[in-house]
Amino acid sequence: DGVVRSVSHYNDSTHTMSAEIRYVAETGDIIGVENSVQRVPFDICAECEGRNVEWFTGKNIYALSKRDVGGAIGGSEGCFHMLDVIWYAIESIQGI
């Protein structure tokens, strides 16, 4: 069906979280983003689960910057670990 999934995980002594991005291989158009928070030390981290993931739908995965992603998931009010998790899933595709 031409849909590709990119998955990223983060796990340290206080965090366990993941993100999955689905996009159309031929066009790079994102059709879905999901993020999950299993263990975090602060409420601000937990609040990032599912935050504004609809913003990504229709965006081109090759055109996004880390700044775009950070702004979409809360900017300075978001969790920078979740930013990294989502960004690594995107960056792994952009580097192909």
Protein backbone atom coordinates (compact mmCIF):
# COMPACT_ATOMS: atom_id res chain seq x y z
CA ASP A 1 0.00 0.00 0.00
CA GLY A 2 3.07 2.28 -0.04
CA VAL A 3 2.74 3.29 3.63
CA VAL A 4 5.93 3.29 5.68
CA ARG A 5 6.19 3.34 9.47
CA SER A 6 9.05 4.91 11.37
CA VAL A 7 9.22 4.10 15.07
CA SER A 8 11.42 5.62 17.76
CA HIS A 9 11.79 4.77 21.46
CA TYR A 10 13.42 6.51 24.41
CA ASN A 11 14.23 4.80 27.67
CA ASP A 12 16.39 6.04 30.54
CA SER A 13 16.18 5.89 34.33
CA THR A 14 13.09 8.14 34.44
CA HIS A 15 11.54 8.06 30.95
CA THR A 16 9.97 5.45 28.72
CA MET A 17 8.28 6.85 25.62
CA SER A 18 7.83 6.15 21.94
CA ALA A 19 6.55 7.62 18.69
CA GLU A 20 5.35 6.20 15.40
CA ILE A 21 5.03 8.12 12.16
CA ARG A 22 3.20 6.74 9.12
CA TYR A 23 3.74 8.33 5.75
CA VAL A 24 3.25 7.64 2.05
CA ALA A 25 6.58 6.52 0.62
CA GLU A 26 6.00 7.96 -2.84
CA THR A 27 5.04 11.48 -1.72
CA GLY A 28 6.41 11.81 1.83
CA ASP A 29 2.99 12.93 3.07
CA ILE A 30 2.41 12.07 6.72
CA ILE A 31 -0.83 10.22 7.33
CA GLY A 32 -0.52 9.74 11.09
CA VAL A 33 1.57 10.26 14.19
CA GLU A 34 1.13 8.55 17.51
CA ASN A 35 3.18 9.06 20.63
CA SER A 36 3.07 7.17 23.87
CA VAL A 37 4.33 7.92 27.35
CA GLN A 38 4.77 4.96 29.68
CA ARG A 39 6.97 6.49 32.39
CA VAL A 40 7.99 10.11 32.99
CA PRO A 41 9.13 12.17 35.96
CA PHE A 42 7.02 15.30 35.42
CA ASP A 43 3.43 16.15 34.51
CA ILE A 44 4.63 18.28 31.58
CA CYS A 45 6.10 15.13 30.02
CA ALA A 46 2.92 13.12 30.47
CA GLU A 47 0.86 15.95 28.98
CA CYS A 48 2.76 15.56 25.69
CA GLU A 49 1.12 12.23 24.95
CA GLY A 50 -1.09 12.80 21.94
CA ARG A 51 -0.56 16.56 22.06
CA ASN A 52 -1.30 18.14 18.69
CA VAL A 53 -0.39 14.99 16.71
CA GLU A 54 -3.06 15.91 14.14
CA TRP A 55 -0.84 18.86 13.14
CA PHE A 56 1.46 16.43 11.34
CA THR A 57 -1.23 14.96 9.05
CA GLY A 58 -0.66 16.12 5.49
CA LYS A 59 2.78 17.60 6.21
CA ASN A 60 5.65 16.35 4.09
CA ILE A 61 8.11 14.35 6.20
CA TYR A 62 11.06 15.58 4.11
CA ALA A 63 10.20 19.26 4.66
CA LEU A 64 9.93 19.27 8.46
CA SER A 65 12.58 20.74 10.74
CA LYS A 66 13.16 19.97 14.39
CA ARG A 67 11.95 23.50 15.17
CA ASP A 68 8.65 22.75 13.36
CA VAL A 69 8.17 19.60 15.41
CA GLY A 70 9.04 21.34 18.69
CA GLY A 71 6.54 24.08 18.05
CA ALA A 72 3.85 21.57 17.18
CA ILE A 73 4.19 19.60 20.39
CA GLY A 74 4.31 22.49 22.81
CA GLY A 75 7.50 24.51 22.34
CA SER A 76 8.91 25.60 25.69
CA GLU A 77 5.81 24.14 27.39
CA GLY A 78 6.50 20.68 25.93
CA CYS A 79 8.80 17.81 26.81
CA PHE A 80 12.14 17.98 25.02
CA HIS A 81 12.54 14.21 25.36
CA MET A 82 9.33 13.68 23.38
CA LEU A 83 10.59 16.17 20.84
CA ASP A 84 13.70 14.03 20.43
CA VAL A 85 11.68 10.82 20.11
CA ILE A 86 9.47 12.23 17.37
CA TRP A 87 12.37 13.96 15.66
CA TYR A 88 14.49 10.78 15.56
CA ALA A 89 11.63 8.97 13.80
CA ILE A 90 11.50 11.78 11.22
CA GLU A 91 15.25 12.24 10.91
CA SER A 92 15.80 8.55 10.24
CA ILE A 93 13.61 8.93 7.13
CA GLN A 94 15.05 12.26 6.02
CA GLY A 95 18.51 10.73 6.05
CA ILE A 96 17.58 8.01 3.58
